[in-house]
Amino acid sequence: MDDYVSTGTFWFMVALINAGLAEQKNRSRWIWFLLSLLLGPIATILIVVRRAPEPVEPSMTHRGGWKNPDPHPRSLGEPM
């Protein structure tokens, strides 16, 4: 039973380390954490070997901010 607990602890620690590695390579921390729980050290190899994606400039619409405004806004007193 002690072997089971230490193996589970090792697997969880590998998943935590992989989450940090994935974040450094601009990848989703949660997705790689979950994949690491399934794949273990194989996920570590995948994170290290795969190239990081090109950084993309964030748009304001992803943050719930700026939306494309109406190019011809009507004032309230103007007839239709």
N, C-alpha and C. Protein backbone atom coordinates (compact mmCIF):
# COMPACT_ATOMS: atom_id res chain seq x y z
N MET A 1 0.82 -1.19 0.00
CA MET A 1 0.00 0.00 0.00
C MET A 1 0.86 1.26 0.00
N ASP A 2 2.00 1.22 0.68
CA ASP A 2 2.89 2.38 0.71
C ASP A 2 3.42 2.70 -0.68
N ASP A 3 3.66 1.68 -1.48
CA ASP A 3 4.15 1.89 -2.83
C ASP A 3 3.09 2.63 -3.67
N TYR A 4 1.83 2.31 -3.46
CA TYR A 4 0.75 2.97 -4.19
C TYR A 4 0.69 4.46 -3.88
N VAL A 5 0.84 4.81 -2.61
CA VAL A 5 0.77 6.22 -2.21
C VAL A 5 1.95 6.98 -2.78
N SER A 6 3.14 6.44 -2.75
CA SER A 6 4.30 7.15 -3.27
C SER A 6 4.24 7.27 -4.79
N THR A 7 3.69 6.26 -5.47
CA THR A 7 3.53 6.35 -6.91
C THR A 7 2.51 7.43 -7.28
N GLY A 8 1.42 7.49 -6.55
CA GLY A 8 0.43 8.53 -6.79
C GLY A 8 0.97 9.92 -6.52
N THR A 9 1.77 10.04 -5.47
CA THR A 9 2.39 11.33 -5.15
C THR A 9 3.35 11.74 -6.26
N PHE A 10 4.14 10.80 -6.74
CA PHE A 10 5.07 11.07 -7.85
C PHE A 10 4.30 11.54 -9.09
N TRP A 11 3.23 10.85 -9.44
CA TRP A 11 2.44 11.17 -10.63
C TRP A 11 1.84 12.58 -10.50
N PHE A 12 1.35 12.91 -9.31
CA PHE A 12 0.77 14.24 -9.07
C PHE A 12 1.85 15.32 -9.16
N MET A 13 3.02 15.06 -8.62
CA MET A 13 4.11 16.04 -8.68
C MET A 13 4.57 16.26 -10.12
N VAL A 14 4.63 15.19 -10.90
CA VAL A 14 4.98 15.32 -12.32
C VAL A 14 3.94 16.19 -13.03
N ALA A 15 2.66 15.99 -12.70
CA ALA A 15 1.60 16.79 -13.31
C ALA A 15 1.74 18.27 -12.94
N LEU A 16 2.10 18.56 -11.70
CA LEU A 16 2.31 19.96 -11.30
C LEU A 16 3.50 20.58 -12.02
N ILE A 17 4.58 19.84 -12.12
CA ILE A 17 5.76 20.35 -12.83
C ILE A 17 5.44 20.58 -14.30
N ASN A 18 4.72 19.66 -14.90
CA ASN A 18 4.34 19.80 -16.31
C ASN A 18 3.44 21.01 -16.53
N ALA A 19 2.57 21.30 -15.57
CA ALA A 19 1.71 22.49 -15.70
C ALA A 19 2.56 23.75 -15.74
N GLY A 20 3.59 23.81 -14.90
CA GLY A 20 4.49 24.97 -14.91
C GLY A 20 5.28 25.05 -16.20
N LEU A 21 5.78 23.91 -16.69
CA LEU A 21 6.51 23.90 -17.96
C LEU A 21 5.62 24.35 -19.12
N ALA A 22 4.38 23.87 -19.12
CA ALA A 22 3.45 24.23 -20.19
C ALA A 22 3.17 25.73 -20.18
N GLU A 23 3.01 26.30 -19.01
CA GLU A 23 2.74 27.73 -18.93
C GLU A 23 3.92 28.54 -19.45
N GLN A 24 5.14 28.09 -19.19
CA GLN A 24 6.32 28.78 -19.70
C GLN A 24 6.41 28.73 -21.21
N LYS A 25 5.79 27.73 -21.81
CA LYS A 25 5.78 27.61 -23.27
C LYS A 25 4.49 28.13 -23.89
N ASN A 26 3.77 28.98 -23.17
CA ASN A 26 2.52 29.59 -23.64
C ASN A 26 1.46 28.55 -24.00
N ARG A 27 1.35 27.54 -23.19
CA ARG A 27 0.32 26.51 -23.37
C ARG A 27 -0.59 26.52 -22.16
N SER A 28 -1.73 25.90 -22.29
CA SER A 28 -2.72 25.88 -21.21
C SER A 28 -2.22 25.06 -20.04
N ARG A 29 -2.16 25.70 -18.89
CA ARG A 29 -1.69 25.01 -17.68
C ARG A 29 -2.63 23.88 -17.31
N TRP A 30 -3.94 24.10 -17.33
CA TRP A 30 -4.92 23.09 -16.89
C TRP A 30 -4.99 21.90 -17.83
N ILE A 31 -4.95 22.15 -19.12
CA ILE A 31 -5.01 21.04 -20.08
C ILE A 31 -3.81 20.13 -19.91
N TRP A 32 -2.62 20.72 -19.77
CA TRP A 32 -1.42 19.90 -19.63
C TRP A 32 -1.34 19.24 -18.26
N PHE A 33 -1.92 19.86 -17.25
CA PHE A 33 -1.99 19.21 -15.94
C PHE A 33 -2.83 17.94 -16.04
N LEU A 34 -4.00 18.05 -16.68
CA LEU A 34 -4.88 16.89 -16.83
C LEU A 34 -4.25 15.82 -17.72
N LEU A 35 -3.62 16.25 -18.82
CA LEU A 35 -2.93 15.27 -19.68
C LEU A 35 -1.81 14.58 -18.92
N SER A 36 -1.13 15.31 -18.06
CA SER A 36 -0.03 14.73 -17.29
C SER A 36 -0.53 13.71 -16.28
N LEU A 37 -1.73 13.91 -15.76
CA LEU A 37 -2.29 12.91 -14.86
C LEU A 37 -2.52 11.59 -15.60
N LEU A 38 -2.83 11.69 -16.90
CA LEU A 38 -3.06 10.48 -17.70
C LEU A 38 -1.75 9.90 -18.26
N LEU A 39 -0.87 10.78 -18.75
CA LEU A 39 0.32 10.32 -19.47
C LEU A 39 1.59 10.31 -18.63
N GLY A 40 1.62 11.07 -17.56
CA GLY A 40 2.79 11.11 -16.68
C GLY A 40 4.02 11.67 -17.36
N PRO A 41 5.16 10.97 -17.24
CA PRO A 41 6.42 11.46 -17.81
C PRO A 41 6.40 11.60 -19.34
N ILE A 42 5.52 10.88 -20.01
CA ILE A 42 5.40 11.03 -21.47
C ILE A 42 4.96 12.45 -21.80
N ALA A 43 4.07 13.02 -21.00
CA ALA A 43 3.63 14.40 -21.21
C ALA A 43 4.79 15.37 -21.02
N THR A 44 5.69 15.07 -20.10
CA THR A 44 6.87 15.92 -19.90
C THR A 44 7.71 15.96 -21.18
N ILE A 45 7.90 14.81 -21.78
CA ILE A 45 8.68 14.75 -23.02
C ILE A 45 7.98 15.55 -24.12
N LEU A 46 6.66 15.41 -24.21
CA LEU A 46 5.92 16.15 -25.23
C LEU A 46 6.04 17.66 -25.03
N ILE A 47 5.96 18.12 -23.80
CA ILE A 47 6.06 19.55 -23.52
C ILE A 47 7.45 20.07 -23.87
N VAL A 48 8.47 19.32 -23.51
CA VAL A 48 9.84 19.77 -23.72
C VAL A 48 10.22 19.74 -25.21
N VAL A 49 9.80 18.71 -25.93
CA VAL A 49 10.20 18.54 -27.33
C VAL A 49 9.43 19.47 -28.27
N ARG A 50 8.15 19.64 -28.02
CA ARG A 50 7.34 20.47 -28.93
C ARG A 50 7.73 21.93 -28.81
N ARG A 51 7.72 22.62 -29.96
CA ARG A 51 8.07 24.02 -29.98
C ARG A 51 6.92 24.85 -29.43
N ALA A 52 7.25 25.95 -28.79
CA ALA A 52 6.23 26.85 -28.24
C ALA A 52 5.51 27.54 -29.39
N PRO A 53 4.19 27.76 -29.27
CA PRO A 53 3.47 28.47 -30.33
C PRO A 53 3.91 29.93 -30.39
N GLU A 54 3.74 30.51 -31.57
CA GLU A 54 4.08 31.93 -31.75
C GLU A 54 3.13 32.77 -30.91
N PRO A 55 3.66 33.78 -30.22
CA PRO A 55 2.77 34.63 -29.42
C PRO A 55 1.84 35.45 -30.31
N VAL A 56 0.60 35.55 -29.87
CA VAL A 56 -0.41 36.28 -30.61
C VAL A 56 -0.82 37.49 -29.78
N GLU A 57 -0.92 38.64 -30.44
CA GLU A 57 -1.32 39.84 -29.72
C GLU A 57 -2.79 39.69 -29.30
N PRO A 58 -3.08 39.86 -28.01
CA PRO A 58 -4.47 39.68 -27.56
C PRO A 58 -5.36 40.79 -28.10
N SER A 59 -6.57 40.41 -28.47
CA SER A 59 -7.53 41.41 -28.94
C SER A 59 -8.42 41.83 -27.78
N MET A 60 -8.99 43.00 -27.91
CA MET A 60 -9.83 43.53 -26.84
C MET A 60 -11.14 42.74 -26.72
N THR A 61 -11.60 42.12 -27.80
CA THR A 61 -12.88 41.40 -27.73
C THR A 61 -12.76 40.15 -26.85
N HIS A 62 -11.57 39.56 -26.75
CA HIS A 62 -11.40 38.39 -25.90
C HIS A 62 -11.50 38.74 -24.42
N ARG A 63 -11.24 39.99 -24.11
CA ARG A 63 -11.31 40.42 -22.72
C ARG A 63 -12.66 41.05 -22.39
N GLY A 64 -13.59 41.00 -23.32
CA GLY A 64 -14.91 41.56 -23.07
C GLY A 64 -14.92 43.08 -23.15
N GLY A 65 -13.92 43.66 -23.78
CA GLY A 65 -13.81 45.11 -23.86
C GLY A 65 -14.39 45.64 -25.15
N TRP A 66 -13.54 46.21 -25.95
CA TRP A 66 -13.92 46.92 -27.15
C TRP A 66 -14.63 46.01 -28.14
N LYS A 67 -15.75 46.48 -28.66
CA LYS A 67 -16.49 45.77 -29.71
C LYS A 67 -16.46 46.66 -30.96
N ASN A 68 -16.65 46.06 -32.11
CA ASN A 68 -16.66 46.82 -33.34
C ASN A 68 -17.86 47.78 -33.33
N PRO A 69 -17.62 49.09 -33.30
CA PRO A 69 -18.73 50.03 -33.21
C PRO A 69 -19.49 50.14 -34.52
N ASP A 70 -20.70 50.62 -34.42
CA ASP A 70 -21.51 50.87 -35.61
C ASP A 70 -20.84 52.01 -36.39
N PRO A 71 -20.53 51.80 -37.69
CA PRO A 71 -19.82 52.85 -38.42
C PRO A 71 -20.67 54.10 -38.66
N HIS A 72 -21.99 53.98 -38.61
CA HIS A 72 -22.88 55.12 -38.83
C HIS A 72 -23.86 55.24 -37.68
N PRO A 73 -23.42 55.72 -36.53
CA PRO A 73 -24.34 55.82 -35.40
C PRO A 73 -25.38 56.92 -35.64
N ARG A 74 -26.57 56.67 -35.17
CA ARG A 74 -27.66 57.64 -35.31
C ARG A 74 -27.85 58.35 -33.98
N SER A 75 -28.11 59.61 -34.06
CA SER A 75 -28.40 60.32 -32.82
C SER A 75 -29.86 60.09 -32.45
N LEU A 76 -30.24 60.38 -31.23
CA LEU A 76 -31.60 60.11 -30.76
C LEU A 76 -32.64 60.98 -31.43
N GLY A 77 -32.29 62.20 -31.83
CA GLY A 77 -33.27 63.10 -32.43
C GLY A 77 -33.39 62.93 -33.93
N GLU A 78 -32.61 62.10 -34.54
CA GLU A 78 -32.60 61.96 -35.99
C GLU A 78 -33.69 60.99 -36.45
N PRO A 79 -34.49 61.35 -37.48
CA PRO A 79 -35.54 60.43 -37.96
C PRO A 79 -34.92 59.28 -38.75
N MET A 80 -35.64 58.17 -38.80
CA MET A 80 -35.15 56.99 -39.52
C MET A 80 -35.38 57.09 -40.96
